[in-house]
Full PDB file with SEQRES, HELIX, SHEET, SSBOND, CRYST1, ORIGX, SCALE, CONECT and MASTER records, all heavy atoms in Angstrom:
SEQRES   1 A   33  CYS LEU ASP VAL ILE ARG GLU ARG GLY ILE ARG LYS ALA          
SEQRES   2 A   33  VAL LEU VAL ALA HIS SER LYS GLY GLY LEU ILE GLY LYS          
SEQRES   3 A   33  ALA VAL LEU LEU ARG GLN ALA                                  
HELIX    1 AA1 LEU A    2  GLU A    7  1                                   6    
HELIX    2 AA2 LYS A   20  ARG A   31  1                                  12    
CRYST1    1.000    1.000    1.000  90.00  90.00  90.00 P 1           1          
ORIGX1      1.000000  0.000000  0.000000        0.00000                         
ORIGX2      0.000000  1.000000  0.000000        0.00000                         
ORIGX3      0.000000  0.000000  1.000000        0.00000                         
SCALE1      1.000000  0.000000  0.000000        0.00000                         
SCALE2      0.000000  1.000000  0.000000        0.00000                         
SCALE3      0.000000  0.000000  1.000000        0.00000                         
ATOM      1  N   CYS A   1      -2.180 -47.789 -22.962  1.00  0.00           N  
ATOM      2  CA  CYS A   1      -3.642 -47.891 -22.960  1.00  0.00           C  
ATOM      3  C   CYS A   1      -4.155 -48.391 -24.304  1.00  0.00           C  
ATOM      4  O   CYS A   1      -5.010 -49.286 -24.363  1.00  0.00           O  
ATOM      5  CB  CYS A   1      -4.255 -46.533 -22.619  1.00  0.00           C  
ATOM      6  SG  CYS A   1      -6.059 -46.545 -22.521  1.00  0.00           S  
ATOM      7  N   LEU A   2      -3.638 -47.840 -25.384  1.00  0.00           N  
ATOM      8  CA  LEU A   2      -4.077 -48.258 -26.709  1.00  0.00           C  
ATOM      9  C   LEU A   2      -3.749 -49.732 -26.966  1.00  0.00           C  
ATOM     10  O   LEU A   2      -4.530 -50.458 -27.592  1.00  0.00           O  
ATOM     11  CB  LEU A   2      -3.419 -47.383 -27.773  1.00  0.00           C  
ATOM     12  CG  LEU A   2      -3.987 -45.959 -27.884  1.00  0.00           C  
ATOM     13  CD1 LEU A   2      -3.065 -45.073 -28.708  1.00  0.00           C  
ATOM     14  CD2 LEU A   2      -5.384 -45.977 -28.474  1.00  0.00           C  
ATOM     15  N   ASP A   3      -2.604 -50.188 -26.458  1.00  0.00           N  
ATOM     16  CA  ASP A   3      -2.238 -51.603 -26.619  1.00  0.00           C  
ATOM     17  C   ASP A   3      -3.230 -52.509 -25.900  1.00  0.00           C  
ATOM     18  O   ASP A   3      -3.638 -53.551 -26.431  1.00  0.00           O  
ATOM     19  CB  ASP A   3      -0.828 -51.847 -26.065  1.00  0.00           C  
ATOM     20  CG  ASP A   3       0.262 -51.244 -26.941  1.00  0.00           C  
ATOM     21  OD1 ASP A   3      -0.034 -50.899 -28.101  1.00  0.00           O  
ATOM     22  OD2 ASP A   3       1.402 -51.105 -26.458  1.00  0.00           O  
ATOM     23  N   VAL A   4      -3.631 -52.131 -24.684  1.00  0.00           N  
ATOM     24  CA  VAL A   4      -4.602 -52.924 -23.928  1.00  0.00           C  
ATOM     25  C   VAL A   4      -5.939 -52.955 -24.662  1.00  0.00           C  
ATOM     26  O   VAL A   4      -6.577 -54.011 -24.789  1.00  0.00           O  
ATOM     27  CB  VAL A   4      -4.764 -52.357 -22.505  1.00  0.00           C  
ATOM     28  CG1 VAL A   4      -6.030 -52.904 -21.840  1.00  0.00           C  
ATOM     29  CG2 VAL A   4      -3.546 -52.688 -21.653  1.00  0.00           C  
ATOM     30  N   ILE A   5      -6.376 -51.817 -25.159  1.00  0.00           N  
ATOM     31  CA  ILE A   5      -7.652 -51.747 -25.876  1.00  0.00           C  
ATOM     32  C   ILE A   5      -7.627 -52.651 -27.103  1.00  0.00           C  
ATOM     33  O   ILE A   5      -8.579 -53.402 -27.370  1.00  0.00           O  
ATOM     34  CB  ILE A   5      -7.957 -50.288 -26.265  1.00  0.00           C  
ATOM     35  CG1 ILE A   5      -8.328 -49.475 -25.015  1.00  0.00           C  
ATOM     36  CG2 ILE A   5      -9.090 -50.220 -27.289  1.00  0.00           C  
ATOM     37  CD1 ILE A   5      -8.489 -47.991 -25.265  1.00  0.00           C  
ATOM     38  N   ARG A   6      -6.529 -52.603 -27.846  1.00  0.00           N  
ATOM     39  CA  ARG A   6      -6.419 -53.428 -29.053  1.00  0.00           C  
ATOM     40  C   ARG A   6      -6.318 -54.916 -28.705  1.00  0.00           C  
ATOM     41  O   ARG A   6      -7.026 -55.751 -29.280  1.00  0.00           O  
ATOM     42  CB  ARG A   6      -5.196 -53.002 -29.862  1.00  0.00           C  
ATOM     43  CG  ARG A   6      -5.062 -53.739 -31.197  1.00  0.00           C  
ATOM     44  CD  ARG A   6      -3.780 -53.425 -31.919  1.00  0.00           C  
ATOM     45  NE  ARG A   6      -2.614 -53.937 -31.216  1.00  0.00           N  
ATOM     46  CZ  ARG A   6      -1.753 -53.192 -30.529  1.00  0.00           C  
ATOM     47  NH1 ARG A   6      -1.916 -51.883 -30.474  1.00  0.00           N  
ATOM     48  NH2 ARG A   6      -0.716 -53.732 -29.921  1.00  0.00           N  
ATOM     49  N   GLU A   7      -5.431 -55.259 -27.773  1.00  0.00           N  
ATOM     50  CA  GLU A   7      -5.193 -56.665 -27.450  1.00  0.00           C  
ATOM     51  C   GLU A   7      -6.425 -57.334 -26.846  1.00  0.00           C  
ATOM     52  O   GLU A   7      -6.624 -58.544 -27.013  1.00  0.00           O  
ATOM     53  CB  GLU A   7      -4.006 -56.772 -26.495  1.00  0.00           C  
ATOM     54  CG  GLU A   7      -2.670 -56.397 -27.146  1.00  0.00           C  
ATOM     55  CD  GLU A   7      -1.576 -56.147 -26.129  1.00  0.00           C  
ATOM     56  OE1 GLU A   7      -1.833 -56.367 -24.914  1.00  0.00           O  
ATOM     57  OE2 GLU A   7      -0.475 -55.736 -26.540  1.00  0.00           O  
ATOM     58  N   ARG A   8      -7.264 -56.578 -26.136  1.00  0.00           N  
ATOM     59  CA  ARG A   8      -8.436 -57.156 -25.486  1.00  0.00           C  
ATOM     60  C   ARG A   8      -9.708 -56.980 -26.319  1.00  0.00           C  
ATOM     61  O   ARG A   8     -10.799 -57.311 -25.863  1.00  0.00           O  
ATOM     62  CB  ARG A   8      -8.604 -56.567 -24.088  1.00  0.00           C  
ATOM     63  CG  ARG A   8      -7.393 -56.863 -23.204  1.00  0.00           C  
ATOM     64  CD  ARG A   8      -7.510 -56.288 -21.813  1.00  0.00           C  
ATOM     65  NE  ARG A   8      -6.247 -56.441 -21.099  1.00  0.00           N  
ATOM     66  CZ  ARG A   8      -5.986 -55.958 -19.882  1.00  0.00           C  
ATOM     67  NH1 ARG A   8      -6.938 -55.279 -19.232  1.00  0.00           N  
ATOM     68  NH2 ARG A   8      -4.801 -56.137 -19.324  1.00  0.00           N  
ATOM     69  N   GLY A   9      -9.566 -56.432 -27.509  1.00  0.00           N  
ATOM     70  CA  GLY A   9     -10.705 -56.308 -28.409  1.00  0.00           C  
ATOM     71  C   GLY A   9     -11.800 -55.399 -27.887  1.00  0.00           C  
ATOM     72  O   GLY A   9     -12.989 -55.653 -28.109  1.00  0.00           O  
ATOM     73  N   ILE A  10     -11.419 -54.334 -27.242  1.00  0.00           N  
ATOM     74  CA  ILE A  10     -12.397 -53.416 -26.654  1.00  0.00           C  
ATOM     75  C   ILE A  10     -12.867 -52.427 -27.719  1.00  0.00           C  
ATOM     76  O   ILE A  10     -12.065 -51.847 -28.449  1.00  0.00           O  
ATOM     77  CB  ILE A  10     -11.774 -52.652 -25.468  1.00  0.00           C  
ATOM     78  CG1 ILE A  10     -11.255 -53.631 -24.419  1.00  0.00           C  
ATOM     79  CG2 ILE A  10     -12.785 -51.692 -24.852  1.00  0.00           C  
ATOM     80  CD1 ILE A  10     -10.376 -52.982 -23.368  1.00  0.00           C  
ATOM     81  N   ARG A  11     -14.169 -52.233 -27.796  1.00  0.00           N  
ATOM     82  CA  ARG A  11     -14.752 -51.303 -28.757  1.00  0.00           C  
ATOM     83  C   ARG A  11     -15.716 -50.360 -28.053  1.00  0.00           C  
ATOM     84  O   ARG A  11     -16.430 -50.750 -27.139  1.00  0.00           O  
ATOM     85  CB  ARG A  11     -15.514 -52.073 -29.840  1.00  0.00           C  
ATOM     86  CG  ARG A  11     -14.636 -52.976 -30.700  1.00  0.00           C  
ATOM     87  CD  ARG A  11     -13.845 -52.195 -31.711  1.00  0.00           C  
ATOM     88  NE  ARG A  11     -14.717 -51.524 -32.674  1.00  0.00           N  
ATOM     89  CZ  ARG A  11     -14.281 -50.617 -33.538  1.00  0.00           C  
ATOM     90  NH1 ARG A  11     -13.032 -50.235 -33.529  1.00  0.00           N  
ATOM     91  NH2 ARG A  11     -15.128 -50.063 -34.402  1.00  0.00           N  
ATOM     92  N   LYS A  12     -15.711 -49.114 -28.489  1.00  0.00           N  
ATOM     93  CA  LYS A  12     -16.634 -48.090 -27.973  1.00  0.00           C  
ATOM     94  C   LYS A  12     -16.542 -47.964 -26.450  1.00  0.00           C  
ATOM     95  O   LYS A  12     -17.558 -47.880 -25.756  1.00  0.00           O  
ATOM     96  CB  LYS A  12     -18.060 -48.383 -28.425  1.00  0.00           C  
ATOM     97  CG  LYS A  12     -18.233 -48.329 -29.936  1.00  0.00           C  
ATOM     98  CD  LYS A  12     -19.696 -48.454 -30.349  1.00  0.00           C  
ATOM     99  CE  LYS A  12     -19.837 -48.309 -31.855  1.00  0.00           C  
ATOM    100  NZ  LYS A  12     -21.248 -48.393 -32.300  1.00  0.00           N  
ATOM    101  N   ALA A  13     -15.326 -47.918 -25.955  1.00  0.00           N  
ATOM    102  CA  ALA A  13     -15.114 -47.785 -24.516  1.00  0.00           C  
ATOM    103  C   ALA A  13     -15.218 -46.330 -24.088  1.00  0.00           C  
ATOM    104  O   ALA A  13     -14.986 -45.405 -24.870  1.00  0.00           O  
ATOM    105  CB  ALA A  13     -13.738 -48.328 -24.138  1.00  0.00           C  
ATOM    106  N   VAL A  14     -15.556 -46.134 -22.824  1.00  0.00           N  
ATOM    107  CA  VAL A  14     -15.438 -44.826 -22.185  1.00  0.00           C  
ATOM    108  C   VAL A  14     -14.277 -44.926 -21.204  1.00  0.00           C  
ATOM    109  O   VAL A  14     -14.216 -45.847 -20.385  1.00  0.00           O  
ATOM    110  CB  VAL A  14     -16.734 -44.418 -21.464  1.00  0.00           C  
ATOM    111  CG1 VAL A  14     -16.532 -43.080 -20.759  1.00  0.00           C  
ATOM    112  CG2 VAL A  14     -17.895 -44.310 -22.461  1.00  0.00           C  
ATOM    113  N   LEU A  15     -13.334 -44.010 -21.306  1.00  0.00           N  
ATOM    114  CA  LEU A  15     -12.204 -43.953 -20.399  1.00  0.00           C  
ATOM    115  C   LEU A  15     -12.620 -43.201 -19.139  1.00  0.00           C  
ATOM    116  O   LEU A  15     -13.291 -42.170 -19.215  1.00  0.00           O  
ATOM    117  CB  LEU A  15     -11.026 -43.240 -21.066  1.00  0.00           C  
ATOM    118  CG  LEU A  15     -10.657 -43.716 -22.483  1.00  0.00           C  
ATOM    119  CD1 LEU A  15      -9.556 -42.835 -23.058  1.00  0.00           C  
ATOM    120  CD2 LEU A  15     -10.248 -45.177 -22.466  1.00  0.00           C  
ATOM    121  N   VAL A  16     -12.246 -43.733 -17.986  1.00  0.00           N  
ATOM    122  CA  VAL A  16     -12.540 -43.078 -16.709  1.00  0.00           C  
ATOM    123  C   VAL A  16     -11.213 -42.920 -15.971  1.00  0.00           C  
ATOM    124  O   VAL A  16     -10.470 -43.898 -15.806  1.00  0.00           O  
ATOM    125  CB  VAL A  16     -13.537 -43.897 -15.869  1.00  0.00           C  
ATOM    126  CG1 VAL A  16     -13.693 -43.292 -14.478  1.00  0.00           C  
ATOM    127  CG2 VAL A  16     -14.894 -43.966 -16.571  1.00  0.00           C  
ATOM    128  N   ALA A  17     -10.911 -41.701 -15.558  1.00  0.00           N  
ATOM    129  CA  ALA A  17      -9.557 -41.421 -15.100  1.00  0.00           C  
ATOM    130  C   ALA A  17      -9.522 -40.534 -13.868  1.00  0.00           C  
ATOM    131  O   ALA A  17     -10.493 -39.862 -13.518  1.00  0.00           O  
ATOM    132  CB  ALA A  17      -8.768 -40.759 -16.233  1.00  0.00           C  
ATOM    133  N   HIS A  18      -8.329 -40.538 -13.239  1.00  0.00           N  
ATOM    134  CA  HIS A  18      -8.045 -39.633 -12.126  1.00  0.00           C  
ATOM    135  C   HIS A  18      -6.742 -38.899 -12.411  1.00  0.00           C  
ATOM    136  O   HIS A  18      -5.760 -39.511 -12.832  1.00  0.00           O  
ATOM    137  CB  HIS A  18      -7.916 -40.410 -10.806  1.00  0.00           C  
ATOM    138  CG  HIS A  18      -7.515 -39.552  -9.642  1.00  0.00           C  
ATOM    139  ND1 HIS A  18      -6.433 -39.830  -8.835  1.00  0.00           N  
ATOM    140  CD2 HIS A  18      -8.063 -38.399  -9.153  1.00  0.00           C  
ATOM    141  CE1 HIS A  18      -6.331 -38.911  -7.908  1.00  0.00           C  
ATOM    142  NE2 HIS A  18      -7.312 -38.030  -8.071  1.00  0.00           N  
ATOM    143  N   SER A  19      -6.734 -37.591 -12.227  1.00  0.00           N  
ATOM    144  CA  SER A  19      -5.526 -36.774 -12.279  1.00  0.00           C  
ATOM    145  C   SER A  19      -4.762 -36.981 -13.590  1.00  0.00           C  
ATOM    146  O   SER A  19      -5.307 -36.745 -14.671  1.00  0.00           O  
ATOM    147  CB  SER A  19      -4.664 -37.081 -11.050  1.00  0.00           C  
ATOM    148  OG  SER A  19      -3.667 -36.106 -10.874  1.00  0.00           O  
ATOM    149  N   LYS A  20      -3.488 -37.420 -13.538  1.00  0.00           N  
ATOM    150  CA  LYS A  20      -2.715 -37.630 -14.766  1.00  0.00           C  
ATOM    151  C   LYS A  20      -3.440 -38.559 -15.737  1.00  0.00           C  
ATOM    152  O   LYS A  20      -3.288 -38.428 -16.959  1.00  0.00           O  
ATOM    153  CB  LYS A  20      -1.339 -38.208 -14.436  1.00  0.00           C  
ATOM    154  CG  LYS A  20      -0.502 -38.521 -15.663  1.00  0.00           C  
ATOM    155  CD  LYS A  20       0.743 -39.326 -15.327  1.00  0.00           C  
ATOM    156  CE  LYS A  20       1.481 -39.753 -16.605  1.00  0.00           C  
ATOM    157  NZ  LYS A  20       2.660 -40.589 -16.313  1.00  0.00           N  
ATOM    158  N   GLY A  21      -4.232 -39.492 -15.203  1.00  0.00           N  
ATOM    159  CA  GLY A  21      -4.961 -40.393 -16.076  1.00  0.00           C  
ATOM    160  C   GLY A  21      -5.827 -39.667 -17.074  1.00  0.00           C  
ATOM    161  O   GLY A  21      -6.053 -40.146 -18.194  1.00  0.00           O  
ATOM    162  N   GLY A  22      -6.324 -38.483 -16.708  1.00  0.00           N  
ATOM    163  CA  GLY A  22      -7.133 -37.702 -17.643  1.00  0.00           C  
ATOM    164  C   GLY A  22      -6.316 -37.167 -18.803  1.00  0.00           C  
ATOM    165  O   GLY A  22      -6.810 -37.077 -19.933  1.00  0.00           O  
ATOM    166  N   LEU A  23      -5.060 -36.799 -18.551  1.00  0.00           N  
ATOM    167  CA  LEU A  23      -4.174 -36.371 -19.635  1.00  0.00           C  
ATOM    168  C   LEU A  23      -3.895 -37.547 -20.565  1.00  0.00           C  
ATOM    169  O   LEU A  23      -3.896 -37.396 -21.795  1.00  0.00           O  
ATOM    170  CB  LEU A  23      -2.860 -35.827 -19.072  1.00  0.00           C  
ATOM    171  CG  LEU A  23      -2.961 -34.653 -18.094  1.00  0.00           C  
ATOM    172  CD1 LEU A  23      -1.567 -34.237 -17.643  1.00  0.00           C  
ATOM    173  CD2 LEU A  23      -3.690 -33.472 -18.721  1.00  0.00           C  
ATOM    174  N   ILE A  24      -3.675 -38.725 -19.977  1.00  0.00           N  
ATOM    175  CA  ILE A  24      -3.473 -39.929 -20.780  1.00  0.00           C  
ATOM    176  C   ILE A  24      -4.723 -40.196 -21.624  1.00  0.00           C  
ATOM    177  O   ILE A  24      -4.646 -40.500 -22.812  1.00  0.00           O  
ATOM    178  CB  ILE A  24      -3.166 -41.137 -19.896  1.00  0.00           C  
ATOM    179  CG1 ILE A  24      -1.871 -40.912 -19.099  1.00  0.00           C  
ATOM    180  CG2 ILE A  24      -3.060 -42.416 -20.721  1.00  0.00           C  
ATOM    181  CD1 ILE A  24      -1.619 -41.975 -18.034  1.00  0.00           C  
ATOM    182  N   GLY A  25      -5.888 -40.075 -20.990  1.00  0.00           N  
ATOM    183  CA  GLY A  25      -7.140 -40.342 -21.693  1.00  0.00           C  
ATOM    184  C   GLY A  25      -7.341 -39.422 -22.882  1.00  0.00           C  
ATOM    185  O   GLY A  25      -7.758 -39.861 -23.965  1.00  0.00           O  
ATOM    186  N   LYS A  26      -7.036 -38.132 -22.719  1.00  0.00           N  
ATOM    187  CA  LYS A  26      -7.175 -37.205 -23.846  1.00  0.00           C  
ATOM    188  C   LYS A  26      -6.201 -37.586 -24.953  1.00  0.00           C  
ATOM    189  O   LYS A  26      -6.551 -37.566 -26.142  1.00  0.00           O  
ATOM    190  CB  LYS A  26      -6.944 -35.763 -23.400  1.00  0.00           C  
ATOM    191  CG  LYS A  26      -7.094 -34.790 -24.559  1.00  0.00           C  
ATOM    192  CD  LYS A  26      -6.960 -33.336 -24.158  1.00  0.00           C  
ATOM    193  CE  LYS A  26      -7.057 -32.438 -25.394  1.00  0.00           C  
ATOM    194  NZ  LYS A  26      -6.939 -30.998 -25.077  1.00  0.00           N  
ATOM    195  N   ALA A  27      -4.963 -37.963 -24.569  1.00  0.00           N  
ATOM    196  CA  ALA A  27      -3.977 -38.375 -25.570  1.00  0.00           C  
ATOM    197  C   ALA A  27      -4.451 -39.612 -26.325  1.00  0.00           C  
ATOM    198  O   ALA A  27      -4.235 -39.747 -27.536  1.00  0.00           O  
ATOM    199  CB  ALA A  27      -2.632 -38.639 -24.904  1.00  0.00           C  
ATOM    200  N   VAL A  28      -5.128 -40.526 -25.636  1.00  0.00           N  
ATOM    201  CA  VAL A  28      -5.665 -41.721 -26.287  1.00  0.00           C  
ATOM    202  C   VAL A  28      -6.734 -41.332 -27.304  1.00  0.00           C  
ATOM    203  O   VAL A  28      -6.751 -41.829 -28.439  1.00  0.00           O  
ATOM    204  CB  VAL A  28      -6.237 -42.702 -25.246  1.00  0.00           C  
ATOM    205  CG1 VAL A  28      -7.057 -43.805 -25.916  1.00  0.00           C  
ATOM    206  CG2 VAL A  28      -5.111 -43.313 -24.419  1.00  0.00           C  
ATOM    207  N   LEU A  29      -7.649 -40.443 -26.918  1.00  0.00           N  
ATOM    208  CA  LEU A  29      -8.697 -40.009 -27.849  1.00  0.00           C  
ATOM    209  C   LEU A  29      -8.097 -39.364 -29.098  1.00  0.00           C  
ATOM    210  O   LEU A  29      -8.618 -39.519 -30.202  1.00  0.00           O  
ATOM    211  CB  LEU A  29      -9.634 -39.020 -27.152  1.00  0.00           C  
ATOM    212  CG  LEU A  29     -10.494 -39.547 -25.999  1.00  0.00           C  
ATOM    213  CD1 LEU A  29     -11.360 -38.417 -25.434  1.00  0.00           C  
ATOM    214  CD2 LEU A  29     -11.370 -40.704 -26.439  1.00  0.00           C  
ATOM    215  N   LEU A  30      -6.986 -38.652 -28.920  1.00  0.00           N  
ATOM    216  CA  LEU A  30      -6.363 -37.977 -30.049  1.00  0.00           C  
ATOM    217  C   LEU A  30      -5.592 -38.932 -30.953  1.00  0.00           C  
ATOM    218  O   LEU A  30      -5.477 -38.696 -32.156  1.00  0.00           O  
ATOM    219  CB  LEU A  30      -5.391 -36.903 -29.529  1.00  0.00           C  
ATOM    220  CG  LEU A  30      -6.035 -35.642 -28.937  1.00  0.00           C  
ATOM    221  CD1 LEU A  30      -5.018 -34.867 -28.122  1.00  0.00           C  
ATOM    222  CD2 LEU A  30      -6.612 -34.768 -30.056  1.00  0.00           C  
ATOM    223  N   ARG A  31      -5.064 -40.009 -30.382  1.00  0.00           N  
ATOM    224  CA  ARG A  31      -4.140 -40.858 -31.111  1.00  0.00           C  
ATOM    225  C   ARG A  31      -4.709 -42.195 -31.564  1.00  0.00           C  
ATOM    226  O   ARG A  31      -4.034 -42.955 -32.241  1.00  0.00           O  
ATOM    227  CB  ARG A  31      -2.884 -41.087 -30.274  1.00  0.00           C  
ATOM    228  CG  ARG A  31      -2.019 -39.829 -30.172  1.00  0.00           C  
ATOM    229  CD  ARG A  31      -1.226 -39.798 -28.867  1.00  0.00           C  
ATOM    230  NE  ARG A  31      -0.414 -38.594 -28.766  1.00  0.00           N  
ATOM    231  CZ  ARG A  31      -0.884 -37.374 -28.472  1.00  0.00           C  
ATOM    232  NH1 ARG A  31      -2.177 -37.203 -28.296  1.00  0.00           N  
ATOM    233  NH2 ARG A  31      -0.078 -36.333 -28.382  1.00  0.00           N  
ATOM    234  N   GLN A  32      -5.942 -42.508 -31.183  1.00  0.00           N  
ATOM    235  CA  GLN A  32      -6.501 -43.802 -31.577  1.00  0.00           C  
ATOM    236  C   GLN A  32      -6.682 -43.871 -33.085  1.00  0.00           C  
ATOM    237  O   GLN A  32      -7.092 -42.904 -33.722  1.00  0.00           O  
ATOM    238  CB  GLN A  32      -7.823 -44.051 -30.860  1.00  0.00           C  
ATOM    239  CG  GLN A  32      -8.892 -43.007 -31.099  1.00  0.00           C  
ATOM    240  CD  GLN A  32     -10.142 -43.260 -30.276  1.00  0.00           C  
ATOM    241  OE1 GLN A  32     -10.320 -44.313 -29.707  1.00  0.00           O  
ATOM    242  NE2 GLN A  32     -11.022 -42.274 -30.212  1.00  0.00           N  
ATOM    243  N   ALA A  33      -6.356 -45.026 -33.650  1.00  0.00           N  
ATOM    244  CA  ALA A  33      -6.428 -45.193 -35.098  1.00  0.00           C  
ATOM    245  C   ALA A  33      -7.870 -45.240 -35.592  1.00  0.00           C  
ATOM    246  O   ALA A  33      -8.179 -44.764 -36.683  1.00  0.00           O  
ATOM    247  CB  ALA A  33      -5.680 -46.464 -35.507  1.00  0.00           C  
TER     248      ALA A  33                                                      
MASTER        0    0    0    2    0    0    0    6  247    1    0    3          
END                                                                             
């Protein structure tokens, strides 16, 4: 997810998720540079 955000130049995004995707989303919020 972080690679896609960086490669596509996405800024100030809101992640929208289902099930495991929510765990991924929290991990992204914790690990974003």
